[in-house]
Amino acid sequence: MKRLTQKNFEKLPEIKSKKEEEKRLGELKARKAQAAQFAKELDARRRALVKQKKTSKIGFDNVTLPTSEQD
């Protein structure tokens, strides 16, 4: 039987699968964080747009447009 060294230890199937699982979980966390950040930015843009639409409607309620009739 071979002597267990650091290089041999890293090649063991249990260790390989554990490292792959850790890498996969790290990538999953990064994707979730990116999705959460995107959702937060999208929500902020949506709120700003709704607020802008509300304020623009309030300013034009009592305005009468001039007519183009010239007699």
PDB file of N, CA and C in Angstrom:
ATOM      1  N   MET A   1       0.835  -1.174   0.000  1.00  0.00           N
ATOM      2  CA  MET A   1       0.000   0.000   0.000  1.00  0.00           C
ATOM      3  C   MET A   1       0.884   1.243   0.000  1.00  0.00           C
ATOM      4  N   LYS A   2       0.441   2.230  -0.753  1.00  0.00           N
ATOM      5  CA  LYS A   2       1.211   3.463  -0.848  1.00  0.00           C
ATOM      6  C   LYS A   2       1.108   4.264   0.437  1.00  0.00           C
ATOM      7  N   ARG A   3       2.140   5.024   0.639  1.00  0.00           N
ATOM      8  CA  ARG A   3       2.141   5.923   1.790  1.00  0.00           C
ATOM      9  C   ARG A   3       1.241   7.114   1.448  1.00  0.00           C
ATOM     10  N   LEU A   4       0.426   7.537   2.384  1.00  0.00           N
ATOM     11  CA  LEU A   4      -0.524   8.611   2.153  1.00  0.00           C
ATOM     12  C   LEU A   4       0.190   9.959   2.247  1.00  0.00           C
ATOM     13  N   THR A   5       0.253  10.639   1.128  1.00  0.00           N
ATOM     14  CA  THR A   5       0.862  11.960   1.081  1.00  0.00           C
ATOM     15  C   THR A   5      -0.240  12.979   0.781  1.00  0.00           C
ATOM     16  N   GLN A   6       0.145  14.231   0.811  1.00  0.00           N
ATOM     17  CA  GLN A   6      -0.827  15.283   0.523  1.00  0.00           C
ATOM     18  C   GLN A   6      -1.371  15.126  -0.897  1.00  0.00           C
ATOM     19  N   LYS A   7      -0.507  14.796  -1.829  1.00  0.00           N
ATOM     20  CA  LYS A   7      -0.925  14.634  -3.219  1.00  0.00           C
ATOM     21  C   LYS A   7      -1.879  13.448  -3.358  1.00  0.00           C
ATOM     22  N   ASN A   8      -1.556  12.338  -2.722  1.00  0.00           N
ATOM     23  CA  ASN A   8      -2.425  11.171  -2.775  1.00  0.00           C
ATOM     24  C   ASN A   8      -3.747  11.432  -2.042  1.00  0.00           C
ATOM     25  N   PHE A   9      -3.652  12.180  -0.960  1.00  0.00           N
ATOM     26  CA  PHE A   9      -4.843  12.473  -0.162  1.00  0.00           C
ATOM     27  C   PHE A   9      -5.860  13.259  -0.991  1.00  0.00           C
ATOM     28  N   GLU A  10      -5.379  14.212  -1.780  1.00  0.00           N
ATOM     29  CA  GLU A  10      -6.265  15.031  -2.602  1.00  0.00           C
ATOM     30  C   GLU A  10      -6.911  14.230  -3.728  1.00  0.00           C
ATOM     31  N   LYS A  11      -6.326  13.103  -4.085  1.00  0.00           N
ATOM     32  CA  LYS A  11      -6.867  12.278  -5.170  1.00  0.00           C
ATOM     33  C   LYS A  11      -7.898  11.259  -4.696  1.00  0.00           C
ATOM     34  N   LEU A  12      -8.094  11.149  -3.395  1.00  0.00           N
ATOM     35  CA  LEU A  12      -9.082  10.204  -2.876  1.00  0.00           C
ATOM     36  C   LEU A  12     -10.477  10.611  -3.346  1.00  0.00           C
ATOM     37  N   PRO A  13     -11.324   9.655  -3.715  1.00  0.00           N
ATOM     38  CA  PRO A  13     -12.663   9.981  -4.234  1.00  0.00           C
ATOM     39  C   PRO A  13     -13.513  10.783  -3.245  1.00  0.00           C
ATOM     40  N   GLU A  14     -13.406  10.489  -1.957  1.00  0.00           N
ATOM     41  CA  GLU A  14     -14.192  11.205  -0.963  1.00  0.00           C
ATOM     42  C   GLU A  14     -13.775  12.673  -0.901  1.00  0.00           C
ATOM     43  N   ILE A  15     -12.477  12.914  -0.978  1.00  0.00           N
ATOM     44  CA  ILE A  15     -11.954  14.276  -0.904  1.00  0.00           C
ATOM     45  C   ILE A  15     -12.299  15.037  -2.182  1.00  0.00           C
ATOM     46  N   LYS A  16     -12.181  14.373  -3.331  1.00  0.00           N
ATOM     47  CA  LYS A  16     -12.541  15.009  -4.604  1.00  0.00           C
ATOM     48  C   LYS A  16     -14.011  15.415  -4.612  1.00  0.00           C
ATOM     49  N   SER A  17     -14.865  14.508  -4.188  1.00  0.00           N
ATOM     50  CA  SER A  17     -16.296  14.813  -4.205  1.00  0.00           C
ATOM     51  C   SER A  17     -16.629  15.932  -3.218  1.00  0.00           C
ATOM     52  N   LYS A  18     -15.942  15.945  -2.076  1.00  0.00           N
ATOM     53  CA  LYS A  18     -16.169  16.995  -1.084  1.00  0.00           C
ATOM     54  C   LYS A  18     -15.763  18.358  -1.642  1.00  0.00           C
ATOM     55  N   LYS A  19     -14.619  18.428  -2.320  1.00  0.00           N
ATOM     56  CA  LYS A  19     -14.159  19.687  -2.901  1.00  0.00           C
ATOM     57  C   LYS A  19     -15.090  20.142  -4.020  1.00  0.00           C
ATOM     58  N   GLU A  20     -15.562  19.213  -4.845  1.00  0.00           N
ATOM     59  CA  GLU A  20     -16.493  19.559  -5.916  1.00  0.00           C
ATOM     60  C   GLU A  20     -17.808  20.083  -5.338  1.00  0.00           C
ATOM     61  N   GLU A  21     -18.263  19.458  -4.258  1.00  0.00           N
ATOM     62  CA  GLU A  21     -19.497  19.900  -3.603  1.00  0.00           C
ATOM     63  C   GLU A  21     -19.331  21.306  -3.028  1.00  0.00           C
ATOM     64  N   GLU A  22     -18.186  21.587  -2.398  1.00  0.00           N
ATOM     65  CA  GLU A  22     -17.922  22.918  -1.858  1.00  0.00           C
ATOM     66  C   GLU A  22     -17.879  23.956  -2.976  1.00  0.00           C
ATOM     67  N   LYS A  23     -17.264  23.601  -4.091  1.00  0.00           N
ATOM     68  CA  LYS A  23     -17.185  24.512  -5.237  1.00  0.00           C
ATOM     69  C   LYS A  23     -18.582  24.774  -5.789  1.00  0.00           C
ATOM     70  N   ARG A  24     -19.387  23.740  -5.906  1.00  0.00           N
ATOM     71  CA  ARG A  24     -20.744  23.876  -6.425  1.00  0.00           C
ATOM     72  C   ARG A  24     -21.588  24.756  -5.503  1.00  0.00           C
ATOM     73  N   LEU A  25     -21.455  24.552  -4.194  1.00  0.00           N
ATOM     74  CA  LEU A  25     -22.198  25.371  -3.241  1.00  0.00           C
ATOM     75  C   LEU A  25     -21.763  26.833  -3.285  1.00  0.00           C
ATOM     76  N   GLY A  26     -20.469  27.053  -3.470  1.00  0.00           N
ATOM     77  CA  GLY A  26     -19.961  28.418  -3.585  1.00  0.00           C
ATOM     78  C   GLY A  26     -20.524  29.127  -4.813  1.00  0.00           C
ATOM     79  N   GLU A  27     -20.576  28.410  -5.933  1.00  0.00           N
ATOM     80  CA  GLU A  27     -21.139  28.980  -7.159  1.00  0.00           C
ATOM     81  C   GLU A  27     -22.635  29.244  -6.991  1.00  0.00           C
ATOM     82  N   LEU A  28     -23.325  28.348  -6.301  1.00  0.00           N
ATOM     83  CA  LEU A  28     -24.753  28.523  -6.062  1.00  0.00           C
ATOM     84  C   LEU A  28     -25.017  29.758  -5.192  1.00  0.00           C
ATOM     85  N   LYS A  29     -24.212  29.942  -4.158  1.00  0.00           N
ATOM     86  CA  LYS A  29     -24.353  31.122  -3.299  1.00  0.00           C
ATOM     87  C   LYS A  29     -24.112  32.399  -4.089  1.00  0.00           C
ATOM     88  N   ALA A  30     -23.103  32.373  -4.962  1.00  0.00           N
ATOM     89  CA  ALA A  30     -22.799  33.557  -5.773  1.00  0.00           C
ATOM     90  C   ALA A  30     -23.966  33.867  -6.709  1.00  0.00           C
ATOM     91  N   ARG A  31     -24.550  32.833  -7.317  1.00  0.00           N
ATOM     92  CA  ARG A  31     -25.691  33.040  -8.213  1.00  0.00           C
ATOM     93  C   ARG A  31     -26.900  33.592  -7.462  1.00  0.00           C
ATOM     94  N   LYS A  32     -27.142  33.064  -6.262  1.00  0.00           N
ATOM     95  CA  LYS A  32     -28.264  33.550  -5.456  1.00  0.00           C
ATOM     96  C   LYS A  32     -28.051  35.003  -5.048  1.00  0.00           C
ATOM     97  N   ALA A  33     -26.826  35.350  -4.676  1.00  0.00           N
ATOM     98  CA  ALA A  33     -26.530  36.726  -4.292  1.00  0.00           C
ATOM     99  C   ALA A  33     -26.711  37.663  -5.482  1.00  0.00           C
ATOM    100  N   GLN A  34     -26.282  37.223  -6.658  1.00  0.00           N
ATOM    101  CA  GLN A  34     -26.435  38.037  -7.859  1.00  0.00           C
ATOM    102  C   GLN A  34     -27.911  38.221  -8.201  1.00  0.00           C
ATOM    103  N   ALA A  35     -28.701  37.169  -8.066  1.00  0.00           N
ATOM    104  CA  ALA A  35     -30.135  37.255  -8.341  1.00  0.00           C
ATOM    105  C   ALA A  35     -30.821  38.178  -7.341  1.00  0.00           C
ATOM    106  N   ALA A  36     -30.424  38.107  -6.084  1.00  0.00           N
ATOM    107  CA  ALA A  36     -31.011  38.976  -5.064  1.00  0.00           C
ATOM    108  C   ALA A  36     -30.661  40.439  -5.336  1.00  0.00           C
ATOM    109  N   GLN A  37     -29.428  40.698  -5.752  1.00  0.00           N
ATOM    110  CA  GLN A  37     -29.013  42.062  -6.069  1.00  0.00           C
ATOM    111  C   GLN A  37     -29.797  42.596  -7.263  1.00  0.00           C
ATOM    112  N   PHE A  38     -29.988  41.761  -8.283  1.00  0.00           N
ATOM    113  CA  PHE A  38     -30.751  42.162  -9.461  1.00  0.00           C
ATOM    114  C   PHE A  38     -32.201  42.465  -9.083  1.00  0.00           C
ATOM    115  N   ALA A  39     -32.789  41.627  -8.249  1.00  0.00           N
ATOM    116  CA  ALA A  39     -34.172  41.844  -7.815  1.00  0.00           C
ATOM    117  C   ALA A  39     -34.296  43.146  -7.032  1.00  0.00           C
ATOM    118  N   LYS A  40     -33.307  43.432  -6.215  1.00  0.00           N
ATOM    119  CA  LYS A  40     -33.312  44.665  -5.424  1.00  0.00           C
ATOM    120  C   LYS A  40     -33.233  45.887  -6.345  1.00  0.00           C
ATOM    121  N   GLU A  41     -32.344  45.843  -7.342  1.00  0.00           N
ATOM    122  CA  GLU A  41     -32.210  46.952  -8.284  1.00  0.00           C
ATOM    123  C   GLU A  41     -33.473  47.117  -9.118  1.00  0.00           C
ATOM    124  N   LEU A  42     -34.053  46.010  -9.546  1.00  0.00           N
ATOM    125  CA  LEU A  42     -35.274  46.055 -10.339  1.00  0.00           C
ATOM    126  C   LEU A  42     -36.418  46.658  -9.538  1.00  0.00           C
ATOM    127  N   ASP A  43     -36.529  46.281  -8.283  1.00  0.00           N
ATOM    128  CA  ASP A  43     -37.568  46.823  -7.418  1.00  0.00           C
ATOM    129  C   ASP A  43     -37.376  48.328  -7.222  1.00  0.00           C
ATOM    130  N   ALA A  44     -36.137  48.765  -7.054  1.00  0.00           N
ATOM    131  CA  ALA A  44     -35.864  50.188  -6.870  1.00  0.00           C
ATOM    132  C   ALA A  44     -36.228  50.971  -8.130  1.00  0.00           C
ATOM    133  N   ARG A  45     -35.891  50.419  -9.309  1.00  0.00           N
ATOM    134  CA  ARG A  45     -36.248  51.090 -10.564  1.00  0.00           C
ATOM    135  C   ARG A  45     -37.759  51.149 -10.732  1.00  0.00           C
ATOM    136  N   ARG A  46     -38.438  50.064 -10.384  1.00  0.00           N
ATOM    137  CA  ARG A  46     -39.893  50.025 -10.522  1.00  0.00           C
ATOM    138  C   ARG A  46     -40.541  51.050  -9.602  1.00  0.00           C
ATOM    139  N   ARG A  47     -40.080  51.126  -8.357  1.00  0.00           N
ATOM    140  CA  ARG A  47     -40.627  52.091  -7.408  1.00  0.00           C
ATOM    141  C   ARG A  47     -40.396  53.531  -7.881  1.00  0.00           C
ATOM    142  N   ALA A  48     -39.210  53.796  -8.418  1.00  0.00           N
ATOM    143  CA  ALA A  48     -38.904  55.138  -8.911  1.00  0.00           C
ATOM    144  C   ALA A  48     -39.803  55.490 -10.093  1.00  0.00           C
ATOM    145  N   LEU A  49     -40.050  54.541 -10.966  1.00  0.00           N
ATOM    146  CA  LEU A  49     -40.910  54.776 -12.119  1.00  0.00           C
ATOM    147  C   LEU A  49     -42.346  55.043 -11.696  1.00  0.00           C
ATOM    148  N   VAL A  50     -42.846  54.273 -10.744  1.00  0.00           N
ATOM    149  CA  VAL A  50     -44.207  54.471 -10.241  1.00  0.00           C
ATOM    150  C   VAL A  50     -44.315  55.829  -9.567  1.00  0.00           C
ATOM    151  N   LYS A  51     -43.318  56.189  -8.787  1.00  0.00           N
ATOM    152  CA  LYS A  51     -43.315  57.487  -8.105  1.00  0.00           C
ATOM    153  C   LYS A  51     -43.288  58.617  -9.127  1.00  0.00           C
ATOM    154  N   GLN A  52     -42.486  58.457 -10.174  1.00  0.00           N
ATOM    155  CA  GLN A  52     -42.394  59.476 -11.208  1.00  0.00           C
ATOM    156  C   GLN A  52     -43.725  59.636 -11.944  1.00  0.00           C
ATOM    157  N   LYS A  53     -44.392  58.533 -12.234  1.00  0.00           N
ATOM    158  CA  LYS A  53     -45.683  58.600 -12.914  1.00  0.00           C
ATOM    159  C   LYS A  53     -46.726  59.287 -12.043  1.00  0.00           C
ATOM    160  N   LYS A  54     -46.721  59.003 -10.744  1.00  0.00           N
ATOM    161  CA  LYS A  54     -47.680  59.630  -9.836  1.00  0.00           C
ATOM    162  C   LYS A  54     -47.466  61.131  -9.763  1.00  0.00           C
ATOM    163  N   THR A  55     -46.232  61.569  -9.673  1.00  0.00           N
ATOM    164  CA  THR A  55     -45.953  63.001  -9.561  1.00  0.00           C
ATOM    165  C   THR A  55     -46.241  63.716 -10.872  1.00  0.00           C
ATOM    166  N   SER A  56     -46.036  63.073 -12.000  1.00  0.00           N
ATOM    167  CA  SER A  56     -46.301  63.738 -13.274  1.00  0.00           C
ATOM    168  C   SER A  56     -47.797  63.879 -13.515  1.00  0.00           C
ATOM    169  N   LYS A  57     -48.611  62.987 -13.035  1.00  0.00           N
ATOM    170  CA  LYS A  57     -50.062  63.072 -13.197  1.00  0.00           C
ATOM    171  C   LYS A  57     -50.642  64.199 -12.347  1.00  0.00           C
ATOM    172  N   ILE A  58     -50.099  64.419 -11.180  1.00  0.00           N
ATOM    173  CA  ILE A  58     -50.612  65.428 -10.264  1.00  0.00           C
ATOM    174  C   ILE A  58     -50.424  66.825 -10.860  1.00  0.00           C
ATOM    175  N   GLY A  59     -49.344  67.084 -11.531  1.00  0.00           N
ATOM    176  CA  GLY A  59     -49.055  68.401 -12.060  1.00  0.00           C
ATOM    177  C   GLY A  59     -49.912  68.796 -13.243  1.00  0.00           C
ATOM    178  N   PHE A  60     -50.538  67.886 -13.948  1.00  0.00           N
ATOM    179  CA  PHE A  60     -51.272  68.206 -15.153  1.00  0.00           C
ATOM    180  C   PHE A  60     -52.787  68.088 -15.008  1.00  0.00           C
ATOM    181  N   ASP A  61     -53.297  67.961 -13.835  1.00  0.00           N
ATOM    182  CA  ASP A  61     -54.737  67.812 -13.653  1.00  0.00           C
ATOM    183  C   ASP A  61     -55.499  69.101 -13.960  1.00  0.00           C
ATOM    184  N   ASN A  62     -54.987  70.236 -13.540  1.00  0.00           N
ATOM    185  CA  ASN A  62     -55.719  71.495 -13.662  1.00  0.00           C
ATOM    186  C   ASN A  62     -55.243  72.360 -14.830  1.00  0.00           C
ATOM    187  N   VAL A  63     -54.481  71.808 -15.731  1.00  0.00           N
ATOM    188  CA  VAL A  63     -53.935  72.570 -16.838  1.00  0.00           C
ATOM    189  C   VAL A  63     -54.882  72.476 -18.030  1.00  0.00           C
ATOM    190  N   THR A  64     -55.174  73.625 -18.628  1.00  0.00           N
ATOM    191  CA  THR A  64     -55.984  73.631 -19.851  1.00  0.00           C
ATOM    192  C   THR A  64     -55.053  73.934 -21.017  1.00  0.00           C
ATOM    193  N   LEU A  65     -55.170  73.186 -22.037  1.00  0.00           N
ATOM    194  CA  LEU A  65     -54.323  73.371 -23.204  1.00  0.00           C
ATOM    195  C   LEU A  65     -54.908  74.446 -24.101  1.00  0.00           C
ATOM    196  N   PRO A  66     -54.084  75.286 -24.684  1.00  0.00           N
ATOM    197  CA  PRO A  66     -54.589  76.321 -25.578  1.00  0.00           C
ATOM    198  C   PRO A  66     -55.125  75.700 -26.857  1.00  0.00           C
ATOM    199  N   THR A  67     -56.169  76.302 -27.381  1.00  0.00           N
ATOM    200  CA  THR A  67     -56.746  75.780 -28.614  1.00  0.00           C
ATOM    201  C   THR A  67     -56.048  76.440 -29.795  1.00  0.00           C
ATOM    202  N   SER A  68     -56.056  75.759 -30.892  1.00  0.00           N
ATOM    203  CA  SER A  68     -55.375  76.277 -32.067  1.00  0.00           C
ATOM    204  C   SER A  68     -56.315  77.029 -33.001  1.00  0.00           C
ATOM    205  N   GLU A  69     -57.501  77.336 -32.540  1.00  0.00           N
ATOM    206  CA  GLU A  69     -58.477  78.049 -33.362  1.00  0.00           C
ATOM    207  C   GLU A  69     -58.090  79.528 -33.422  1.00  0.00           C
ATOM    208  N   GLN A  70     -58.038  80.072 -34.616  1.00  0.00           N
ATOM    209  CA  GLN A  70     -57.729  81.485 -34.790  1.00  0.00           C
ATOM    210  C   GLN A  70     -58.842  82.114 -35.631  1.00  0.00           C
ATOM    211  N   ASP A  71     -59.664  82.915 -35.033  1.00  0.00           N
ATOM    212  CA  ASP A  71     -60.800  83.540 -35.749  1.00  0.00           C
ATOM    213  C   ASP A  71     -60.535  84.961 -36.057  1.00  0.00           C
TER     214      ASP A  71
END
